[in-house]
Structure formats: structure tokens, C-alpha cells
N, C-alpha and C. Protein backbone atom coordinates (compact mmCIF):
# COMPACT_ATOMS: atom_id res chain seq x y z
N MET A 1 10.40 -22.84 36.85
CA MET A 1 10.88 -23.68 35.68
C MET A 1 10.36 -23.21 34.44
N LYS A 2 11.04 -23.23 33.35
CA LYS A 2 10.59 -22.69 32.12
C LYS A 2 9.82 -23.85 31.35
N SER A 3 8.74 -23.53 30.77
CA SER A 3 7.96 -24.48 29.92
C SER A 3 8.37 -24.35 28.48
N TYR A 4 8.38 -25.38 27.80
CA TYR A 4 8.78 -25.39 26.31
C TYR A 4 7.57 -25.83 25.48
N PRO A 5 7.46 -25.35 24.23
CA PRO A 5 6.44 -25.81 23.46
C PRO A 5 6.32 -27.21 23.17
N SER A 6 5.09 -27.67 23.07
CA SER A 6 4.98 -29.15 22.95
C SER A 6 5.64 -29.69 21.67
N GLY A 7 5.81 -29.00 20.59
CA GLY A 7 6.39 -29.49 19.41
C GLY A 7 7.92 -29.29 19.37
N GLY A 8 8.59 -28.91 20.39
CA GLY A 8 10.02 -28.65 20.33
C GLY A 8 10.34 -27.25 19.93
N GLY A 9 11.47 -26.88 19.80
CA GLY A 9 11.80 -25.53 19.47
C GLY A 9 13.13 -25.40 18.68
N LEU A 10 13.25 -26.26 17.66
CA LEU A 10 14.58 -26.29 16.98
C LEU A 10 14.81 -24.90 16.22
N VAL A 11 15.88 -24.19 16.59
CA VAL A 11 16.16 -22.94 15.98
C VAL A 11 17.37 -22.88 15.17
N TYR A 12 18.17 -23.99 15.29
CA TYR A 12 19.41 -24.15 14.56
C TYR A 12 19.79 -25.56 14.35
N SER A 13 20.32 -25.84 13.05
CA SER A 13 20.71 -27.20 12.81
C SER A 13 22.13 -27.05 12.10
N THR A 14 23.00 -28.00 12.50
CA THR A 14 24.27 -27.90 11.96
C THR A 14 24.21 -28.26 10.46
N ASP A 15 23.21 -28.97 9.93
CA ASP A 15 23.11 -29.23 8.63
C ASP A 15 22.62 -28.05 7.74
N ALA A 16 21.49 -27.40 8.23
CA ALA A 16 20.91 -26.31 7.39
C ALA A 16 21.08 -25.01 7.95
N GLY A 17 21.59 -24.75 9.11
CA GLY A 17 21.62 -23.34 9.72
C GLY A 17 20.44 -23.03 10.52
N ARG A 18 20.07 -21.75 10.36
CA ARG A 18 18.78 -21.27 11.06
C ARG A 18 17.50 -21.86 10.55
N MET A 19 16.58 -22.19 11.51
CA MET A 19 15.41 -22.82 11.14
C MET A 19 14.26 -21.96 11.51
N CYS A 20 13.19 -21.89 10.61
CA CYS A 20 11.98 -21.16 10.89
C CYS A 20 11.16 -21.81 11.99
N PRO A 21 10.81 -21.05 13.04
CA PRO A 21 10.03 -21.76 14.18
C PRO A 21 8.70 -22.13 13.72
N ALA A 22 8.11 -21.53 12.65
CA ALA A 22 6.72 -21.79 12.31
C ALA A 22 6.60 -23.06 11.51
N CYS A 23 7.39 -23.10 10.37
CA CYS A 23 7.27 -24.24 9.48
C CYS A 23 8.35 -25.26 9.62
N ARG A 24 9.46 -24.99 10.52
CA ARG A 24 10.44 -25.79 10.80
C ARG A 24 11.26 -26.37 9.71
N GLN A 25 11.38 -25.40 8.73
CA GLN A 25 12.27 -25.56 7.59
C GLN A 25 13.43 -24.68 7.63
N PRO A 26 14.55 -24.89 6.93
CA PRO A 26 15.61 -23.88 6.95
C PRO A 26 15.14 -22.60 6.45
N VAL A 27 15.62 -21.49 7.01
CA VAL A 27 15.19 -20.13 6.56
C VAL A 27 15.27 -19.80 5.20
N SER A 28 16.20 -20.43 4.51
CA SER A 28 16.37 -20.12 3.11
C SER A 28 15.19 -20.80 2.30
N ALA A 29 14.64 -21.85 2.83
CA ALA A 29 13.55 -22.60 2.20
C ALA A 29 12.21 -22.53 2.95
N CYS A 30 12.05 -21.38 3.68
CA CYS A 30 10.93 -21.27 4.57
C CYS A 30 9.60 -21.18 3.72
N LEU A 31 8.63 -22.02 4.04
CA LEU A 31 7.34 -22.15 3.48
C LEU A 31 6.36 -21.01 3.83
N CYS A 32 6.49 -20.72 5.18
CA CYS A 32 5.36 -19.59 5.56
C CYS A 32 5.75 -18.25 5.08
N ARG A 33 6.87 -17.90 4.71
CA ARG A 33 7.13 -16.58 4.15
C ARG A 33 6.65 -16.53 2.69
N GLN A 34 6.81 -17.55 2.09
CA GLN A 34 6.41 -17.55 0.58
C GLN A 34 4.82 -17.62 0.42
N ALA A 35 4.12 -18.15 1.54
CA ALA A 35 2.71 -18.35 1.45
C ALA A 35 1.97 -17.14 1.76
N ARG A 36 2.66 -15.98 2.30
CA ARG A 36 2.03 -14.76 2.66
C ARG A 36 1.32 -14.14 1.37
N VAL A 37 0.19 -13.65 1.53
CA VAL A 37 -0.56 -13.08 0.47
C VAL A 37 -0.55 -11.54 0.70
N VAL A 38 -0.44 -10.78 -0.40
CA VAL A 38 -0.64 -9.43 -0.31
C VAL A 38 -1.96 -8.97 -0.03
N PRO A 39 -2.29 -8.18 1.03
CA PRO A 39 -3.62 -7.88 1.41
C PRO A 39 -4.22 -6.96 0.31
N PRO A 40 -5.53 -7.08 0.11
CA PRO A 40 -6.24 -6.29 -0.87
C PRO A 40 -6.21 -4.70 -0.51
N ALA A 41 -5.79 -3.88 -1.38
CA ALA A 41 -5.76 -2.51 -1.21
C ALA A 41 -6.72 -1.78 -2.09
N ASP A 42 -7.02 -0.45 -1.67
CA ASP A 42 -8.00 0.29 -2.45
C ASP A 42 -7.22 1.18 -3.55
N GLY A 43 -5.85 0.94 -3.65
CA GLY A 43 -5.03 1.79 -4.56
C GLY A 43 -4.56 3.11 -4.09
N ILE A 44 -4.80 3.41 -2.85
CA ILE A 44 -4.39 4.66 -2.35
C ILE A 44 -3.40 4.40 -1.30
N VAL A 45 -2.28 5.07 -1.39
CA VAL A 45 -1.21 4.91 -0.41
C VAL A 45 -1.47 6.02 0.71
N ARG A 46 -1.43 5.76 1.98
CA ARG A 46 -1.58 6.63 2.96
C ARG A 46 -0.30 6.89 3.80
N VAL A 47 0.09 8.14 3.99
CA VAL A 47 1.21 8.54 4.65
C VAL A 47 0.84 9.34 5.80
N SER A 48 1.42 9.00 7.08
CA SER A 48 1.08 9.69 8.28
C SER A 48 2.36 9.74 9.05
N CYS A 49 2.31 10.59 10.06
CA CYS A 49 3.37 10.75 11.08
C CYS A 49 2.86 10.35 12.39
N GLU A 50 3.56 9.45 13.04
CA GLU A 50 3.18 9.00 14.37
C GLU A 50 4.31 9.12 15.40
N THR A 51 3.81 9.37 16.59
CA THR A 51 4.84 9.36 17.71
C THR A 51 4.38 8.40 18.85
N LYS A 52 3.16 7.92 18.81
CA LYS A 52 2.80 7.08 19.86
C LYS A 52 3.46 5.79 20.07
N GLY A 53 3.88 5.44 21.19
CA GLY A 53 4.68 4.41 21.49
C GLY A 53 6.11 4.38 21.00
N ARG A 54 6.62 5.45 20.79
CA ARG A 54 8.02 5.55 20.28
C ARG A 54 8.90 6.67 21.05
N GLY A 55 8.45 6.81 22.31
CA GLY A 55 9.28 7.62 23.23
C GLY A 55 9.35 9.11 22.66
N GLY A 56 8.23 9.52 22.09
CA GLY A 56 8.21 11.01 21.63
C GLY A 56 8.85 11.21 20.27
N LYS A 57 9.51 10.19 19.72
CA LYS A 57 10.19 10.42 18.48
C LYS A 57 9.25 10.18 17.29
N SER A 58 9.23 11.06 16.39
CA SER A 58 8.28 10.92 15.18
C SER A 58 8.83 10.06 14.09
N VAL A 59 7.83 9.26 13.45
CA VAL A 59 8.08 8.34 12.46
C VAL A 59 7.11 8.50 11.37
N THR A 60 7.58 8.52 10.15
CA THR A 60 6.72 8.67 8.89
C THR A 60 6.28 7.19 8.58
N VAL A 61 4.99 6.94 8.55
CA VAL A 61 4.43 5.72 8.26
C VAL A 61 3.79 5.60 6.89
N VAL A 62 4.12 4.65 6.01
CA VAL A 62 3.55 4.45 4.73
C VAL A 62 2.75 3.22 4.71
N ARG A 63 1.42 3.30 4.43
CA ARG A 63 0.52 2.24 4.51
C ARG A 63 -0.20 2.00 3.11
N GLY A 64 -0.73 0.90 2.85
CA GLY A 64 -1.55 0.71 1.61
C GLY A 64 -0.87 0.33 0.39
N LEU A 65 0.41 0.00 0.42
CA LEU A 65 1.13 -0.36 -0.85
C LEU A 65 0.82 -1.78 -1.27
N PRO A 66 0.27 -2.06 -2.39
CA PRO A 66 -0.04 -3.42 -2.75
C PRO A 66 1.16 -4.10 -3.51
N LEU A 67 2.25 -4.32 -2.59
CA LEU A 67 3.37 -4.93 -3.08
C LEU A 67 3.70 -6.15 -2.28
N ASP A 68 4.51 -7.11 -2.94
CA ASP A 68 4.94 -8.23 -2.13
C ASP A 68 6.09 -7.83 -1.26
N ALA A 69 6.47 -8.71 -0.34
CA ALA A 69 7.57 -8.43 0.57
C ALA A 69 8.93 -7.89 -0.04
N PRO A 70 9.47 -8.58 -1.03
CA PRO A 70 10.76 -8.08 -1.64
C PRO A 70 10.64 -6.72 -2.25
N ALA A 71 9.55 -6.50 -2.98
CA ALA A 71 9.28 -5.09 -3.58
C ALA A 71 9.12 -4.05 -2.58
N LEU A 72 8.44 -4.42 -1.51
CA LEU A 72 8.17 -3.45 -0.42
C LEU A 72 9.47 -3.08 0.30
N ILE A 73 10.37 -4.10 0.51
CA ILE A 73 11.75 -3.80 1.10
C ILE A 73 12.48 -2.85 0.24
N GLN A 74 12.48 -3.11 -1.06
CA GLN A 74 13.21 -2.26 -2.08
C GLN A 74 12.69 -0.79 -2.03
N LEU A 75 11.28 -0.69 -2.03
CA LEU A 75 10.79 0.66 -2.00
C LEU A 75 11.01 1.34 -0.78
N GLY A 76 11.03 0.60 0.43
CA GLY A 76 11.52 1.18 1.68
C GLY A 76 12.89 1.68 1.73
N LYS A 77 13.79 0.95 1.03
CA LYS A 77 15.19 1.34 1.01
C LYS A 77 15.27 2.66 0.10
N GLN A 78 14.56 2.67 -1.01
CA GLN A 78 14.56 3.92 -1.85
C GLN A 78 14.03 5.26 -1.05
N LEU A 79 12.94 4.97 -0.32
CA LEU A 79 12.43 6.12 0.47
C LEU A 79 13.34 6.48 1.51
N ARG A 80 13.92 5.66 2.22
CA ARG A 80 14.98 6.02 3.35
C ARG A 80 16.10 6.69 2.68
N SER A 81 16.53 6.27 1.50
CA SER A 81 17.80 7.02 1.05
C SER A 81 17.30 8.35 0.47
N ALA A 82 16.03 8.51 0.00
CA ALA A 82 15.54 9.79 -0.49
C ALA A 82 15.41 10.85 0.62
N CYS A 83 15.09 10.28 1.80
CA CYS A 83 14.88 11.14 3.01
C CYS A 83 16.29 11.31 3.81
N GLY A 84 17.08 10.42 3.56
CA GLY A 84 18.52 10.53 4.35
C GLY A 84 18.41 10.06 5.63
N SER A 85 17.58 9.16 5.96
CA SER A 85 17.38 8.71 7.31
C SER A 85 17.19 7.15 7.34
N GLY A 86 17.04 6.59 8.53
CA GLY A 86 16.86 5.21 8.75
C GLY A 86 15.40 4.85 8.76
N GLY A 87 15.13 3.61 8.93
CA GLY A 87 13.80 3.16 9.00
C GLY A 87 13.74 1.64 8.85
N THR A 88 12.42 1.10 8.65
CA THR A 88 12.23 -0.30 8.50
C THR A 88 11.01 -0.62 7.77
N VAL A 89 10.90 -1.89 7.46
CA VAL A 89 9.59 -2.40 6.82
C VAL A 89 9.12 -3.47 7.76
N LYS A 90 7.89 -3.34 8.29
CA LYS A 90 7.21 -4.18 9.18
C LYS A 90 5.82 -4.52 8.88
N GLU A 91 5.50 -5.83 8.58
CA GLU A 91 4.15 -6.20 8.40
C GLU A 91 3.44 -5.49 7.35
N GLY A 92 4.07 -5.19 6.13
CA GLY A 92 3.42 -4.44 5.16
C GLY A 92 3.43 -2.93 5.20
N VAL A 93 4.20 -2.40 6.21
CA VAL A 93 4.19 -0.91 6.48
C VAL A 93 5.63 -0.46 6.46
N ILE A 94 5.88 0.63 5.73
CA ILE A 94 7.14 1.23 5.67
C ILE A 94 7.21 2.36 6.73
N GLU A 95 8.32 2.31 7.60
CA GLU A 95 8.45 3.24 8.66
C GLU A 95 9.87 3.97 8.34
N VAL A 96 9.70 5.40 8.25
CA VAL A 96 10.97 6.12 7.97
C VAL A 96 11.15 7.03 9.30
N GLN A 97 12.33 6.94 9.79
CA GLN A 97 12.53 7.74 11.09
C GLN A 97 12.47 9.23 10.76
N GLY A 98 11.72 9.87 11.59
CA GLY A 98 11.64 11.49 11.46
C GLY A 98 10.33 11.75 10.69
N ASP A 99 10.03 13.06 10.80
CA ASP A 99 8.82 13.57 10.12
C ASP A 99 9.22 13.96 8.67
N HIS A 100 9.12 13.06 7.73
CA HIS A 100 9.52 13.25 6.35
C HIS A 100 8.29 13.15 5.45
N SER A 101 7.09 13.42 5.99
CA SER A 101 5.86 13.05 5.30
C SER A 101 5.77 13.78 4.02
N VAL A 102 6.10 15.09 4.06
CA VAL A 102 5.98 15.97 2.76
C VAL A 102 6.96 15.35 1.76
N LEU A 103 8.10 15.06 2.04
CA LEU A 103 9.14 14.51 1.09
C LEU A 103 8.69 13.12 0.61
N VAL A 104 8.14 12.30 1.52
CA VAL A 104 7.75 10.98 1.14
C VAL A 104 6.53 11.10 0.11
N ILE A 105 5.59 11.98 0.36
CA ILE A 105 4.42 12.18 -0.47
C ILE A 105 4.82 12.58 -1.77
N ALA A 106 5.75 13.57 -1.93
CA ALA A 106 6.18 14.10 -3.19
C ALA A 106 6.98 12.95 -3.97
N TRP A 107 7.74 12.23 -3.26
CA TRP A 107 8.55 11.20 -3.90
C TRP A 107 7.60 10.13 -4.52
N LEU A 108 6.54 9.60 -3.67
CA LEU A 108 5.60 8.68 -4.18
C LEU A 108 4.78 9.20 -5.34
N GLU A 109 4.31 10.37 -5.27
CA GLU A 109 3.54 10.96 -6.43
C GLU A 109 4.33 11.04 -7.70
N LYS A 110 5.63 11.41 -7.55
CA LYS A 110 6.55 11.55 -8.64
C LYS A 110 6.75 10.14 -9.29
N HIS A 111 6.62 9.14 -8.51
CA HIS A 111 6.79 7.77 -9.12
C HIS A 111 5.57 7.07 -9.36
N GLY A 112 4.45 7.82 -9.48
CA GLY A 112 3.18 7.37 -10.07
C GLY A 112 2.17 6.76 -9.06
N TRP A 113 2.35 6.98 -7.75
CA TRP A 113 1.44 6.43 -6.73
C TRP A 113 0.33 7.44 -6.46
N THR A 114 -0.82 7.00 -6.12
CA THR A 114 -1.88 7.90 -5.65
C THR A 114 -1.77 7.99 -4.13
N VAL A 115 -1.50 9.13 -3.50
CA VAL A 115 -1.10 9.35 -2.14
C VAL A 115 -2.12 10.26 -1.37
N LYS A 116 -2.41 9.87 -0.21
CA LYS A 116 -3.15 10.75 0.64
C LYS A 116 -2.49 10.96 1.99
N ARG A 117 -2.50 12.14 2.50
CA ARG A 117 -2.05 12.31 3.85
C ARG A 117 -3.05 11.93 4.88
N ALA A 118 -2.55 11.09 5.82
CA ALA A 118 -3.53 10.51 6.83
C ALA A 118 -3.13 10.95 8.22
N GLY A 119 -4.11 11.24 9.01
CA GLY A 119 -3.81 11.54 10.45
C GLY A 119 -3.51 12.93 10.66
N GLY A 120 -2.96 13.29 11.85
CA GLY A 120 -2.77 14.52 12.53
C GLY A 120 -2.50 15.84 11.77
N LYS A 121 -1.37 16.45 12.06
CA LYS A 121 -1.11 17.83 11.72
C LYS A 121 -0.86 17.88 10.15
N ALA A 122 -1.22 18.95 9.58
CA ALA A 122 -0.93 19.19 8.08
C ALA A 122 0.25 19.98 8.01
N ALA A 123 0.95 19.65 6.90
CA ALA A 123 2.37 20.37 6.72
C ALA A 123 2.16 21.62 6.03
């Protein structure tokens, strides 16, 4: 038998649509997304290429950007279009599919960021 959380699990309301499971407000008025604070950064953006846990496929990972969520999503979109590939933004980290670290580093430096190559092989 399936157990349910003690506080219920409302995920949809006919009045407001989708509900946030954490704060139980409509997703458009979610309080927990607004309360997230940008973690402190040292001002250096780190770019690395990872394959671990991705079925052998390489992903370019960009960490250390001191931006809030909407600005990070916009920057991720610009990086993906500059590289001509897909990707995502998860938990303050931009992921671009494929090994585009050289292109990402050049793009970020061109736009005024201090960038360091982190991790494995050098290009």
C-alpha cells in the first residue's frame, strides 16, 4: 500500500492550476522560488567538461555565476545558442550538451566574465 505525506499532496487545483508542493501556493505565486538566495561566489566562473553519470556523453558545465534564476536561465539560453546545442540550467549550474568548453570560455570572456578552466583534459 502506498503511503502519503502527512500534510496531503495537492498538486492541482481547478481554481489556481498547478500547485507548488513545498509552499502549497499556485506555481505562479510560489513563495519558495522567490525566497532562494544567490549563493556567494568568488567572482570566478569555472567551466569544466563532465561525463560521469551521463552514459559516456560529455556535458560542458558552468559553475560560479553570481546571478539570480531568471538571469541564469537567460545566460544559459545565450550559451546554448552560441554553441548550437541543447542543455539546461539546474541548481545554479548551466549545462551545455557536448564538449564546448573552449567556445564557452571564449564567449564568457568576451562578455566580461573572469573564467577558469576546471577539471580534466586541457583543450
